[in-house]
PDB file of N, CA and C in Angstrom:
ATOM      1  N   UNK A   1     115.234  84.205  88.055  1.00  0.00           N
ATOM      2  CA  UNK A   1     113.991  84.443  88.905  1.00  0.00           C
ATOM      3  C   UNK A   1     113.688  85.621  89.259  1.00  0.00           C
ATOM      4  N   UNK A   2     112.234  85.853  89.246  1.00  0.00           N
ATOM      5  CA  UNK A   2     112.186  87.486  89.591  1.00  0.00           C
ATOM      6  C   UNK A   2     110.398  87.324  90.247  1.00  0.00           C
ATOM      7  N   UNK A   3     109.518  86.126  90.306  1.00  0.00           N
ATOM      8  CA  UNK A   3     109.175  86.456  91.079  1.00  0.00           C
ATOM      9  C   UNK A   3     109.043  84.962  91.805  1.00  0.00           C
ATOM     10  N   UNK A   4     108.476  84.653  93.260  1.00  0.00           N
ATOM     11  CA  UNK A   4     108.089  83.344  93.734  1.00  0.00           C
ATOM     12  C   UNK A   4     106.821  83.640  93.827  1.00  0.00           C
ATOM     13  N   UNK A   5     106.045  82.167  93.635  1.00  0.00           N
ATOM     14  CA  UNK A   5     104.509  82.286  94.110  1.00  0.00           C
ATOM     15  C   UNK A   5     104.432  81.289  94.193  1.00  0.00           C
ATOM     16  N   UNK A   6     105.142  80.443  94.946  1.00  0.00           N
ATOM     17  CA  UNK A   6     105.152  79.160  95.785  1.00  0.00           C
ATOM     18  C   UNK A   6     105.039  77.697  94.901  1.00  0.00           C
ATOM     19  N   UNK A   7     104.006  77.797  94.484  1.00  0.00           N
ATOM     20  CA  UNK A   7     103.864  76.217  93.373  1.00  0.00           C
ATOM     21  C   UNK A   7     104.301  76.563  91.806  1.00  0.00           C
ATOM     22  N   UNK A   8     105.146  77.970  92.034  1.00  0.00           N
ATOM     23  CA  UNK A   8     105.377  77.961  90.599  1.00  0.00           C
ATOM     24  C   UNK A   8     106.568  79.253  90.396  1.00  0.00           C
ATOM     25  N   UNK A   9     107.000  79.264  89.588  1.00  0.00           N
ATOM     26  CA  UNK A   9     108.190  81.220  90.159  1.00  0.00           C
ATOM     27  C   UNK A   9     108.300  81.547  88.539  1.00  0.00           C
ATOM     28  N   UNK A  10     108.063  82.517  88.265  1.00  0.00           N
ATOM     29  CA  UNK A  10     108.678  83.618  87.223  1.00  0.00           C
ATOM     30  C   UNK A  10     110.048  84.005  86.637  1.00  0.00           C
ATOM     31  N   UNK A  11     110.346  83.620  85.509  1.00  0.00           N
ATOM     32  CA  UNK A  11     112.028  83.715  85.614  1.00  0.00           C
ATOM     33  C   UNK A  11     112.311  84.933  84.287  1.00  0.00           C
ATOM     34  N   UNK A  12     112.689  85.203  84.118  1.00  0.00           N
ATOM     35  CA  UNK A  12     113.272  86.262  83.005  1.00  0.00           C
ATOM     36  C   UNK A  12     114.485  85.203  81.799  1.00  0.00           C
ATOM     37  N   UNK A  13     113.887  85.275  80.651  1.00  0.00           N
ATOM     38  CA  UNK A  13     114.386  84.602  79.758  1.00  0.00           C
ATOM     39  C   UNK A  13     115.102  85.392  79.042  1.00  0.00           C
ATOM     40  N   UNK A  14     116.253  85.249  79.089  1.00  0.00           N
ATOM     41  CA  UNK A  14     117.940  86.223  78.503  1.00  0.00           C
ATOM     42  C   UNK A  14     118.386  85.849  76.825  1.00  0.00           C
ATOM     43  N   UNK A  15     116.971  84.401  76.378  1.00  0.00           N
ATOM     44  CA  UNK A  15     117.758  83.825  75.589  1.00  0.00           C
ATOM     45  C   UNK A  15     116.159  84.962  74.441  1.00  0.00           C
ATOM     46  N   UNK A  16     117.460  85.483  73.627  1.00  0.00           N
ATOM     47  CA  UNK A  16     116.707  86.139  72.362  1.00  0.00           C
ATOM     48  C   UNK A  16     115.980  87.370  73.001  1.00  0.00           C
ATOM     49  N   UNK A  17     114.558  87.447  72.665  1.00  0.00           N
ATOM     50  CA  UNK A  17     114.033  88.418  73.480  1.00  0.00           C
ATOM     51  C   UNK A  17     113.749  88.387  74.856  1.00  0.00           C
ATOM     52  N   UNK A  18     113.640  89.504  75.516  1.00  0.00           N
ATOM     53  CA  UNK A  18     113.687  88.624  77.284  1.00  0.00           C
ATOM     54  C   UNK A  18     111.782  88.766  77.646  1.00  0.00           C
ATOM     55  N   UNK A  19     111.596  87.768  77.159  1.00  0.00           N
ATOM     56  CA  UNK A  19     110.394  87.291  77.854  1.00  0.00           C
ATOM     57  C   UNK A  19     109.891  86.502  79.214  1.00  0.00           C
ATOM     58  N   UNK A  20     109.109  86.352  80.002  1.00  0.00           N
ATOM     59  CA  UNK A  20     108.718  86.187  81.268  1.00  0.00           C
ATOM     60  C   UNK A  20     108.240  84.191  81.133  1.00  0.00           C
ATOM     61  N   UNK A  21     108.953  83.580  81.499  1.00  0.00           N
ATOM     62  CA  UNK A  21     108.186  82.002  81.785  1.00  0.00           C
ATOM     63  C   UNK A  21     107.891  81.498  82.675  1.00  0.00           C
ATOM     64  N   UNK A  22     107.314  81.196  83.333  1.00  0.00           N
ATOM     65  CA  UNK A  22     106.593  80.413  84.192  1.00  0.00           C
ATOM     66  C   UNK A  22     107.428  79.112  84.424  1.00  0.00           C
ATOM     67  N   UNK A  23     107.647  78.692  85.198  1.00  0.00           N
ATOM     68  CA  UNK A  23     108.792  77.525  85.692  1.00  0.00           C
ATOM     69  C   UNK A  23     107.446  76.821  86.844  1.00  0.00           C
ATOM     70  N   UNK A  24     107.037  75.571  86.321  1.00  0.00           N
ATOM     71  CA  UNK A  24     106.650  74.691  87.197  1.00  0.00           C
ATOM     72  C   UNK A  24     107.597  73.801  88.091  1.00  0.00           C
ATOM     73  N   UNK A  25     107.979  73.899  89.831  1.00  0.00           N
ATOM     74  CA  UNK A  25     108.773  73.036  90.146  1.00  0.00           C
ATOM     75  C   UNK A  25     107.998  71.262  90.182  1.00  0.00           C
ATOM     76  N   UNK A  26     106.823  71.264  89.828  1.00  0.00           N
ATOM     77  CA  UNK A  26     106.070  69.870  90.194  1.00  0.00           C
ATOM     78  C   UNK A  26     106.115  69.355  88.824  1.00  0.00           C
ATOM     79  N   UNK A  27     105.938  69.740  87.949  1.00  0.00           N
ATOM     80  CA  UNK A  27     106.057  69.105  86.042  1.00  0.00           C
ATOM     81  C   UNK A  27     107.100  69.529  85.569  1.00  0.00           C
ATOM     82  N   UNK A  28     108.140  70.423  86.083  1.00  0.00           N
ATOM     83  CA  UNK A  28     109.399  70.770  85.528  1.00  0.00           C
ATOM     84  C   UNK A  28     109.570  71.133  83.956  1.00  0.00           C
ATOM     85  N   UNK A  29     107.964  71.930  83.580  1.00  0.00           N
ATOM     86  CA  UNK A  29     108.032  73.034  82.640  1.00  0.00           C
ATOM     87  C   UNK A  29     108.083  74.335  82.252  1.00  0.00           C
ATOM     88  N   UNK A  30     108.541  74.797  81.491  1.00  0.00           N
ATOM     89  CA  UNK A  30     108.286  76.294  80.980  1.00  0.00           C
ATOM     90  C   UNK A  30     107.643  76.397  79.852  1.00  0.00           C
ATOM     91  N   UNK A  31     106.642  77.173  81.181  1.00  0.00           N
ATOM     92  CA  UNK A  31     105.438  78.124  80.328  1.00  0.00           C
ATOM     93  C   UNK A  31     105.317  79.189  79.667  1.00  0.00           C
ATOM     94  N   UNK A  32     105.631  79.822  78.309  1.00  0.00           N
ATOM     95  CA  UNK A  32     105.788  81.204  78.426  1.00  0.00           C
ATOM     96  C   UNK A  32     104.864  81.770  78.815  1.00  0.00           C
ATOM     97  N   UNK A  33     104.956  82.886  79.695  1.00  0.00           N
ATOM     98  CA  UNK A  33     103.546  83.715  80.641  1.00  0.00           C
ATOM     99  C   UNK A  33     103.346  84.950  79.528  1.00  0.00           C
ATOM    100  N   UNK A  34     104.260  85.831  79.854  1.00  0.00           N
ATOM    101  CA  UNK A  34     104.234  87.248  78.969  1.00  0.00           C
ATOM    102  C   UNK A  34     105.493  87.318  77.654  1.00  0.00           C
ATOM    103  N   UNK A  35     105.449  87.783  76.759  1.00  0.00           N
ATOM    104  CA  UNK A  35     106.121  87.956  75.593  1.00  0.00           C
ATOM    105  C   UNK A  35     107.351  89.260  75.522  1.00  0.00           C
ATOM    106  N   UNK A  36     106.877  89.877  77.136  1.00  0.00           N
ATOM    107  CA  UNK A  36     108.340  90.836  77.065  1.00  0.00           C
ATOM    108  C   UNK A  36     108.470  91.175  79.031  1.00  0.00           C
ATOM    109  N   UNK A  37     109.231  91.468  79.797  1.00  0.00           N
ATOM    110  CA  UNK A  37     109.678  92.101  80.780  1.00  0.00           C
ATOM    111  C   UNK A  37     108.476  93.188  80.868  1.00  0.00           C
ATOM    112  N   UNK A  38     107.740  93.860  79.994  1.00  0.00           N
ATOM    113  CA  UNK A  38     107.249  95.176  80.075  1.00  0.00           C
ATOM    114  C   UNK A  38     105.590  94.939  80.534  1.00  0.00           C
ATOM    115  N   UNK A  39     105.117  93.901  80.072  1.00  0.00           N
ATOM    116  CA  UNK A  39     103.989  92.948  79.878  1.00  0.00           C
ATOM    117  C   UNK A  39     103.747  92.334  81.205  1.00  0.00           C
ATOM    118  N   UNK A  40     104.828  91.863  81.909  1.00  0.00           N
ATOM    119  CA  UNK A  40     104.946  91.644  82.973  1.00  0.00           C
ATOM    120  C   UNK A  40     104.564  92.052  84.159  1.00  0.00           C
ATOM    121  N   UNK A  41     105.735  93.221  84.019  1.00  0.00           N
ATOM    122  CA  UNK A  41     105.102  94.299  85.201  1.00  0.00           C
ATOM    123  C   UNK A  41     104.147  95.480  84.800  1.00  0.00           C
ATOM    124  N   UNK A  42     103.763  95.758  83.795  1.00  0.00           N
ATOM    125  CA  UNK A  42     102.268  96.223  83.758  1.00  0.00           C
ATOM    126  C   UNK A  42     101.626  95.356  83.966  1.00  0.00           C
ATOM    127  N   UNK A  43     101.406  93.730  84.035  1.00  0.00           N
ATOM    128  CA  UNK A  43      99.887  92.861  84.669  1.00  0.00           C
ATOM    129  C   UNK A  43     100.346  93.306  85.946  1.00  0.00           C
ATOM    130  N   UNK A  44     101.720  92.751  86.504  1.00  0.00           N
ATOM    131  CA  UNK A  44     101.865  93.273  87.713  1.00  0.00           C
ATOM    132  C   UNK A  44     101.562  94.392  89.093  1.00  0.00           C
ATOM    133  N   UNK A  45     101.233  95.473  88.404  1.00  0.00           N
ATOM    134  CA  UNK A  45     101.029  96.420  88.357  1.00  0.00           C
ATOM    135  C   UNK A  45      99.847  96.726  88.621  1.00  0.00           C
ATOM    136  N   UNK A  46      98.888  96.647  87.507  1.00  0.00           N
ATOM    137  CA  UNK A  46      97.150  96.489  87.214  1.00  0.00           C
ATOM    138  C   UNK A  46      96.639  95.043  88.516  1.00  0.00           C
ATOM    139  N   UNK A  47      97.170  93.911  89.168  1.00  0.00           N
ATOM    140  CA  UNK A  47      97.126  93.330  89.869  1.00  0.00           C
ATOM    141  C   UNK A  47      97.293  93.887  90.827  1.00  0.00           C
ATOM    142  N   UNK A  48      98.017  94.681  91.386  1.00  0.00           N
ATOM    143  CA  UNK A  48      98.000  95.333  92.350  1.00  0.00           C
ATOM    144  C   UNK A  48      97.148  96.195  93.003  1.00  0.00           C
ATOM    145  N   UNK A  49      96.893  97.270  91.564  1.00  0.00           N
ATOM    146  CA  UNK A  49      95.611  98.128  91.265  1.00  0.00           C
ATOM    147  C   UNK A  49      94.990  97.384  92.041  1.00  0.00           C
ATOM    148  N   UNK A  50      94.060  96.280  91.196  1.00  0.00           N
ATOM    149  CA  UNK A  50      92.772  96.093  91.124  1.00  0.00           C
ATOM    150  C   UNK A  50      92.207  95.482  93.094  1.00  0.00           C
ATOM    151  N   UNK A  51      93.686  94.842  93.770  1.00  0.00           N
ATOM    152  CA  UNK A  51      93.385  94.276  94.573  1.00  0.00           C
ATOM    153  C   UNK A  51      93.710  95.273  95.770  1.00  0.00           C
ATOM    154  N   UNK A  52      93.914  96.259  95.300  1.00  0.00           N
ATOM    155  CA  UNK A  52      94.629  97.381  96.802  1.00  0.00           C
ATOM    156  C   UNK A  52      92.781  97.798  97.699  1.00  0.00           C
ATOM    157  N   UNK A  53      92.976  97.731  98.614  1.00  0.00           N
ATOM    158  CA  UNK A  53      92.206  98.047  99.674  1.00  0.00           C
ATOM    159  C   UNK A  53      91.991  99.047 100.255  1.00  0.00           C
ATOM    160  N   UNK A  54      90.898  99.887 100.358  1.00  0.00           N
ATOM    161  CA  UNK A  54      90.795 101.491 100.480  1.00  0.00           C
ATOM    162  C   UNK A  54      90.463 101.862 102.352  1.00  0.00           C
TER     163      UNK A  54
END
């Protein structure tokens, strides 16, 4: 697990390429969210920049 977002978590899949999946605790579904870990990190930083309050 790389991030807990209350109703779901982001996990790093180490099968094949390192993609990031979203696992929903209620439905017990795995959904591919990012094709690479780099894509996840880039999106996380961009979201933090966009939400920065000056």
